[in-house]
Amino acid sequence: MAMCAGDWPRAFSIASKFARLGPQRAAILRAQSAALSPGLYRQLGRDPAAVIEEGKAAMRARFEAMR
């Protein structure tokens, strides 16, 4: 799995297509978006790296139990 390998861009890309992401859905989708468009997040006053870290935490919360 991409997440286990530390390939976060691919992990976000894969997970963003899942229909059921539970309460972590928003954070995962924001992280995917921030990874693709960091400039947009900077314009919005958000740190893209922080958004991505939140997404990583959400992915771990959602999928670590499946390992």
PDB file of N, CA and C in Angstrom:
ATOM      1  N   MET A   1       0.843  -1.180   0.000  1.00  0.00           N
ATOM      2  CA  MET A   1       0.000   0.000   0.000  1.00  0.00           C
ATOM      3  C   MET A   1       0.884   1.237   0.000  1.00  0.00           C
ATOM      4  N   ALA A   2       0.462   2.233  -0.718  1.00  0.00           N
ATOM      5  CA  ALA A   2       1.239   3.464  -0.869  1.00  0.00           C
ATOM      6  C   ALA A   2       1.489   4.155   0.465  1.00  0.00           C
ATOM      7  N   MET A   3       0.510   4.142   1.332  1.00  0.00           N
ATOM      8  CA  MET A   3       0.658   4.792   2.639  1.00  0.00           C
ATOM      9  C   MET A   3       1.782   4.135   3.437  1.00  0.00           C
ATOM     10  N   CYS A   4       1.834   2.839   3.442  1.00  0.00           N
ATOM     11  CA  CYS A   4       2.868   2.110   4.186  1.00  0.00           C
ATOM     12  C   CYS A   4       4.254   2.389   3.621  1.00  0.00           C
ATOM     13  N   ALA A   5       4.331   2.622   2.329  1.00  0.00           N
ATOM     14  CA  ALA A   5       5.598   2.906   1.675  1.00  0.00           C
ATOM     15  C   ALA A   5       6.005   4.372   1.812  1.00  0.00           C
ATOM     16  N   GLY A   6       5.121   5.193   2.386  1.00  0.00           N
ATOM     17  CA  GLY A   6       5.419   6.615   2.541  1.00  0.00           C
ATOM     18  C   GLY A   6       5.181   7.427   1.284  1.00  0.00           C
ATOM     19  N   ASP A   7       4.498   6.843   0.318  1.00  0.00           N
ATOM     20  CA  ASP A   7       4.173   7.549  -0.930  1.00  0.00           C
ATOM     21  C   ASP A   7       2.837   8.270  -0.738  1.00  0.00           C
ATOM     22  N   TRP A   8       2.876   9.370   0.005  1.00  0.00           N
ATOM     23  CA  TRP A   8       1.655  10.073   0.379  1.00  0.00           C
ATOM     24  C   TRP A   8       0.882  10.641  -0.801  1.00  0.00           C
ATOM     25  N   PRO A   9       1.531  11.232  -1.802  1.00  0.00           N
ATOM     26  CA  PRO A   9       0.735  11.718  -2.941  1.00  0.00           C
ATOM     27  C   PRO A   9      -0.104  10.613  -3.581  1.00  0.00           C
ATOM     28  N   ARG A  10       0.496   9.450  -3.751  1.00  0.00           N
ATOM     29  CA  ARG A  10      -0.254   8.321  -4.336  1.00  0.00           C
ATOM     30  C   ARG A  10      -1.324   7.817  -3.368  1.00  0.00           C
ATOM     31  N   ALA A  11      -0.996   7.770  -2.085  1.00  0.00           N
ATOM     32  CA  ALA A  11      -1.971   7.312  -1.090  1.00  0.00           C
ATOM     33  C   ALA A  11      -3.186   8.229  -1.059  1.00  0.00           C
ATOM     34  N   PHE A  12      -2.963   9.545  -1.084  1.00  0.00           N
ATOM     35  CA  PHE A  12      -4.085  10.483  -1.113  1.00  0.00           C
ATOM     36  C   PHE A  12      -4.893  10.328  -2.399  1.00  0.00           C
ATOM     37  N   SER A  13      -4.194  10.135  -3.499  1.00  0.00           N
ATOM     38  CA  SER A  13      -4.876   9.973  -4.782  1.00  0.00           C
ATOM     39  C   SER A  13      -5.784   8.745  -4.779  1.00  0.00           C
ATOM     40  N   ILE A  14      -5.286   7.654  -4.260  1.00  0.00           N
ATOM     41  CA  ILE A  14      -6.075   6.423  -4.197  1.00  0.00           C
ATOM     42  C   ILE A  14      -7.261   6.601  -3.248  1.00  0.00           C
ATOM     43  N   ALA A  15      -6.991   7.083  -2.045  1.00  0.00           N
ATOM     44  CA  ALA A  15      -8.038   7.211  -1.030  1.00  0.00           C
ATOM     45  C   ALA A  15      -9.113   8.213  -1.435  1.00  0.00           C
ATOM     46  N   SER A  16      -8.734   9.238  -2.180  1.00  0.00           N
ATOM     47  CA  SER A  16      -9.716  10.259  -2.560  1.00  0.00           C
ATOM     48  C   SER A  16     -10.815   9.696  -3.459  1.00  0.00           C
ATOM     49  N   LYS A  17     -10.580   8.535  -4.026  1.00  0.00           N
ATOM     50  CA  LYS A  17     -11.578   7.905  -4.892  1.00  0.00           C
ATOM     51  C   LYS A  17     -12.527   6.973  -4.134  1.00  0.00           C
ATOM     52  N   PHE A  18     -12.218   6.698  -2.858  1.00  0.00           N
ATOM     53  CA  PHE A  18     -13.062   5.811  -2.065  1.00  0.00           C
ATOM     54  C   PHE A  18     -14.373   6.493  -1.718  1.00  0.00           C
ATOM     55  N   ALA A  19     -15.439   5.741  -1.756  1.00  0.00           N
ATOM     56  CA  ALA A  19     -16.766   6.290  -1.442  1.00  0.00           C
ATOM     57  C   ALA A  19     -16.949   6.503   0.061  1.00  0.00           C
ATOM     58  N   ARG A  20     -16.360   5.644   0.867  1.00  0.00           N
ATOM     59  CA  ARG A  20     -16.562   5.714   2.319  1.00  0.00           C
ATOM     60  C   ARG A  20     -15.247   6.012   3.030  1.00  0.00           C
ATOM     61  N   LEU A  21     -15.078   7.253   3.416  1.00  0.00           N
ATOM     62  CA  LEU A  21     -13.881   7.645   4.160  1.00  0.00           C
ATOM     63  C   LEU A  21     -14.217   8.063   5.583  1.00  0.00           C
ATOM     64  N   GLY A  22     -15.483   8.002   5.921  1.00  0.00           N
ATOM     65  CA  GLY A  22     -15.902   8.324   7.278  1.00  0.00           C
ATOM     66  C   GLY A  22     -15.633   9.769   7.648  1.00  0.00           C
ATOM     67  N   PRO A  23     -15.446  10.021   8.938  1.00  0.00           N
ATOM     68  CA  PRO A  23     -15.254  11.394   9.404  1.00  0.00           C
ATOM     69  C   PRO A  23     -13.923  12.000   8.942  1.00  0.00           C
ATOM     70  N   GLN A  24     -13.029  11.176   8.421  1.00  0.00           N
ATOM     71  CA  GLN A  24     -11.744  11.668   7.946  1.00  0.00           C
ATOM     72  C   GLN A  24     -11.786  12.165   6.505  1.00  0.00           C
ATOM     73  N   ARG A  25     -12.925  12.032   5.864  1.00  0.00           N
ATOM     74  CA  ARG A  25     -13.057  12.363   4.444  1.00  0.00           C
ATOM     75  C   ARG A  25     -12.573  13.767   4.098  1.00  0.00           C
ATOM     76  N   ALA A  26     -13.033  14.763   4.823  1.00  0.00           N
ATOM     77  CA  ALA A  26     -12.686  16.152   4.496  1.00  0.00           C
ATOM     78  C   ALA A  26     -11.186  16.382   4.587  1.00  0.00           C
ATOM     79  N   ALA A  27     -10.549  15.878   5.628  1.00  0.00           N
ATOM     80  CA  ALA A  27      -9.109  16.084   5.804  1.00  0.00           C
ATOM     81  C   ALA A  27      -8.314  15.387   4.695  1.00  0.00           C
ATOM     82  N   ILE A  28      -8.746  14.209   4.299  1.00  0.00           N
ATOM     83  CA  ILE A  28      -8.050  13.464   3.242  1.00  0.00           C
ATOM     84  C   ILE A  28      -8.199  14.185   1.908  1.00  0.00           C
ATOM     85  N   LEU A  29      -9.393  14.643   1.598  1.00  0.00           N
ATOM     86  CA  LEU A  29      -9.608  15.346   0.335  1.00  0.00           C
ATOM     87  C   LEU A  29      -8.885  16.689   0.306  1.00  0.00           C
ATOM     88  N   ARG A  30      -8.842  17.394   1.449  1.00  0.00           N
ATOM     89  CA  ARG A  30      -8.087  18.659   1.519  1.00  0.00           C
ATOM     90  C   ARG A  30      -6.602  18.404   1.298  1.00  0.00           C
ATOM     91  N   ALA A  31      -6.080  17.334   1.879  1.00  0.00           N
ATOM     92  CA  ALA A  31      -4.666  17.012   1.710  1.00  0.00           C
ATOM     93  C   ALA A  31      -4.354  16.706   0.249  1.00  0.00           C
ATOM     94  N   GLN A  32      -5.223  15.978  -0.402  1.00  0.00           N
ATOM     95  CA  GLN A  32      -5.057  15.681  -1.830  1.00  0.00           C
ATOM     96  C   GLN A  32      -5.024  16.980  -2.622  1.00  0.00           C
ATOM     97  N   SER A  33      -5.938  17.873  -2.319  1.00  0.00           N
ATOM     98  CA  SER A  33      -6.015  19.154  -3.013  1.00  0.00           C
ATOM     99  C   SER A  33      -4.790  20.017  -2.724  1.00  0.00           C
ATOM    100  N   ALA A  34      -4.346  20.044  -1.478  1.00  0.00           N
ATOM    101  CA  ALA A  34      -3.169  20.849  -1.107  1.00  0.00           C
ATOM    102  C   ALA A  34      -1.907  20.309  -1.765  1.00  0.00           C
ATOM    103  N   ALA A  35      -1.827  18.998  -1.925  1.00  0.00           N
ATOM    104  CA  ALA A  35      -0.665  18.400  -2.586  1.00  0.00           C
ATOM    105  C   ALA A  35      -0.638  18.779  -4.065  1.00  0.00           C
ATOM    106  N   LEU A  36      -1.807  18.866  -4.670  1.00  0.00           N
ATOM    107  CA  LEU A  36      -1.896  19.205  -6.091  1.00  0.00           C
ATOM    108  C   LEU A  36      -1.791  20.706  -6.347  1.00  0.00           C
ATOM    109  N   SER A  37      -2.272  21.531  -5.423  1.00  0.00           N
ATOM    110  CA  SER A  37      -2.326  22.984  -5.619  1.00  0.00           C
ATOM    111  C   SER A  37      -1.853  23.735  -4.372  1.00  0.00           C
ATOM    112  N   PRO A  38      -0.597  23.601  -4.011  1.00  0.00           N
ATOM    113  CA  PRO A  38      -0.124  24.277  -2.792  1.00  0.00           C
ATOM    114  C   PRO A  38      -0.243  25.800  -2.872  1.00  0.00           C
ATOM    115  N   GLY A  39      -0.073  26.361  -4.058  1.00  0.00           N
ATOM    116  CA  GLY A  39      -0.184  27.813  -4.222  1.00  0.00           C
ATOM    117  C   GLY A  39      -1.564  28.328  -3.866  1.00  0.00           C
ATOM    118  N   LEU A  40      -2.576  27.584  -4.219  1.00  0.00           N
ATOM    119  CA  LEU A  40      -3.947  27.977  -3.896  1.00  0.00           C
ATOM    120  C   LEU A  40      -4.135  28.036  -2.387  1.00  0.00           C
ATOM    121  N   TYR A  41      -3.613  27.046  -1.684  1.00  0.00           N
ATOM    122  CA  TYR A  41      -3.759  27.027  -0.228  1.00  0.00           C
ATOM    123  C   TYR A  41      -2.994  28.171   0.425  1.00  0.00           C
ATOM    124  N   ARG A  42      -1.835  28.521  -0.137  1.00  0.00           N
ATOM    125  CA  ARG A  42      -1.108  29.682   0.379  1.00  0.00           C
ATOM    126  C   ARG A  42      -1.918  30.955   0.182  1.00  0.00           C
ATOM    127  N   GLN A  43      -2.564  31.083  -0.987  1.00  0.00           N
ATOM    128  CA  GLN A  43      -3.412  32.254  -1.256  1.00  0.00           C
ATOM    129  C   GLN A  43      -4.584  32.322  -0.287  1.00  0.00           C
ATOM    130  N   LEU A  44      -5.063  31.183   0.148  1.00  0.00           N
ATOM    131  CA  LEU A  44      -6.174  31.130   1.094  1.00  0.00           C
ATOM    132  C   LEU A  44      -5.713  31.325   2.536  1.00  0.00           C
ATOM    133  N   GLY A  45      -4.397  31.493   2.718  1.00  0.00           N
ATOM    134  CA  GLY A  45      -3.859  31.702   4.054  1.00  0.00           C
ATOM    135  C   GLY A  45      -3.624  30.432   4.836  1.00  0.00           C
ATOM    136  N   ARG A  46      -3.596  29.319   4.148  1.00  0.00           N
ATOM    137  CA  ARG A  46      -3.361  28.022   4.804  1.00  0.00           C
ATOM    138  C   ARG A  46      -1.985  27.511   4.420  1.00  0.00           C
ATOM    139  N   ASP A  47      -1.335  26.849   5.337  1.00  0.00           N
ATOM    140  CA  ASP A  47      -0.038  26.243   5.079  1.00  0.00           C
ATOM    141  C   ASP A  47      -0.278  24.873   4.443  1.00  0.00           C
ATOM    142  N   PRO A  48       0.097  24.697   3.169  1.00  0.00           N
ATOM    143  CA  PRO A  48      -0.173  23.411   2.520  1.00  0.00           C
ATOM    144  C   PRO A  48       0.488  22.236   3.236  1.00  0.00           C
ATOM    145  N   ALA A  49       1.670  22.443   3.794  1.00  0.00           N
ATOM    146  CA  ALA A  49       2.344  21.352   4.508  1.00  0.00           C
ATOM    147  C   ALA A  49       1.537  20.930   5.730  1.00  0.00           C
ATOM    148  N   ALA A  50       0.947  21.887   6.430  1.00  0.00           N
ATOM    149  CA  ALA A  50       0.127  21.563   7.604  1.00  0.00           C
ATOM    150  C   ALA A  50      -1.138  20.821   7.191  1.00  0.00           C
ATOM    151  N   VAL A  51      -1.738  21.236   6.086  1.00  0.00           N
ATOM    152  CA  VAL A  51      -2.943  20.559   5.581  1.00  0.00           C
ATOM    153  C   VAL A  51      -2.608  19.118   5.209  1.00  0.00           C
ATOM    154  N   ILE A  52      -1.453  18.926   4.592  1.00  0.00           N
ATOM    155  CA  ILE A  52      -1.032  17.579   4.206  1.00  0.00           C
ATOM    156  C   ILE A  52      -0.766  16.727   5.443  1.00  0.00           C
ATOM    157  N   GLU A  53      -0.150  17.310   6.471  1.00  0.00           N
ATOM    158  CA  GLU A  53       0.088  16.562   7.710  1.00  0.00           C
ATOM    159  C   GLU A  53      -1.235  16.156   8.368  1.00  0.00           C
ATOM    160  N   GLU A  54      -2.235  17.042   8.323  1.00  0.00           N
ATOM    161  CA  GLU A  54      -3.564  16.700   8.849  1.00  0.00           C
ATOM    162  C   GLU A  54      -4.147  15.532   8.055  1.00  0.00           C
ATOM    163  N   GLY A  55      -3.932  15.551   6.757  1.00  0.00           N
ATOM    164  CA  GLY A  55      -4.407  14.461   5.909  1.00  0.00           C
ATOM    165  C   GLY A  55      -3.718  13.146   6.232  1.00  0.00           C
ATOM    166  N   LYS A  56      -2.421  13.212   6.496  1.00  0.00           N
ATOM    167  CA  LYS A  56      -1.687  12.002   6.881  1.00  0.00           C
ATOM    168  C   LYS A  56      -2.247  11.423   8.172  1.00  0.00           C
ATOM    169  N   ALA A  57      -2.513  12.294   9.139  1.00  0.00           N
ATOM    170  CA  ALA A  57      -3.077  11.829  10.414  1.00  0.00           C
ATOM    171  C   ALA A  57      -4.451  11.201  10.188  1.00  0.00           C
ATOM    172  N   ALA A  58      -5.248  11.799   9.311  1.00  0.00           N
ATOM    173  CA  ALA A  58      -6.576  11.265   9.007  1.00  0.00           C
ATOM    174  C   ALA A  58      -6.466   9.898   8.329  1.00  0.00           C
ATOM    175  N   MET A  59      -5.504   9.769   7.420  1.00  0.00           N
ATOM    176  CA  MET A  59      -5.307   8.482   6.737  1.00  0.00           C
ATOM    177  C   MET A  59      -4.900   7.409   7.745  1.00  0.00           C
ATOM    178  N   ARG A  60      -3.993   7.771   8.651  1.00  0.00           N
ATOM    179  CA  ARG A  60      -3.578   6.797   9.658  1.00  0.00           C
ATOM    180  C   ARG A  60      -4.763   6.385  10.531  1.00  0.00           C
ATOM    181  N   ALA A  61      -5.560   7.370  10.940  1.00  0.00           N
ATOM    182  CA  ALA A  61      -6.717   7.072  11.796  1.00  0.00           C
ATOM    183  C   ALA A  61      -7.702   6.166  11.059  1.00  0.00           C
ATOM    184  N   ARG A  62      -7.873   6.390   9.781  1.00  0.00           N
ATOM    185  CA  ARG A  62      -8.868   5.639   9.011  1.00  0.00           C
ATOM    186  C   ARG A  62      -8.387   4.236   8.645  1.00  0.00           C
ATOM    187  N   PHE A  63      -7.097   4.110   8.298  1.00  0.00           N
ATOM    188  CA  PHE A  63      -6.635   2.862   7.678  1.00  0.00           C
ATOM    189  C   PHE A  63      -5.638   2.046   8.491  1.00  0.00           C
ATOM    190  N   GLU A  64      -5.072   2.553   9.551  1.00  0.00           N
ATOM    191  CA  GLU A  64      -4.070   1.790  10.307  1.00  0.00           C
ATOM    192  C   GLU A  64      -4.652   0.500  10.873  1.00  0.00           C
ATOM    193  N   ALA A  65      -5.890   0.516  11.288  1.00  0.00           N
ATOM    194  CA  ALA A  65      -6.491  -0.682  11.860  1.00  0.00           C
ATOM    195  C   ALA A  65      -6.639  -1.805  10.834  1.00  0.00           C
ATOM    196  N   MET A  66      -6.580  -1.453   9.565  1.00  0.00           N
ATOM    197  CA  MET A  66      -6.760  -2.441   8.494  1.00  0.00           C
ATOM    198  C   MET A  66      -5.474  -3.224   8.232  1.00  0.00           C
ATOM    199  N   ARG A  67      -4.368  -2.775   8.789  1.00  0.00           N
ATOM    200  CA  ARG A  67      -3.085  -3.433   8.508  1.00  0.00           C
ATOM    201  C   ARG A  67      -2.933  -4.713   9.262  1.00  0.00           C
TER     202      ARG A  67
END
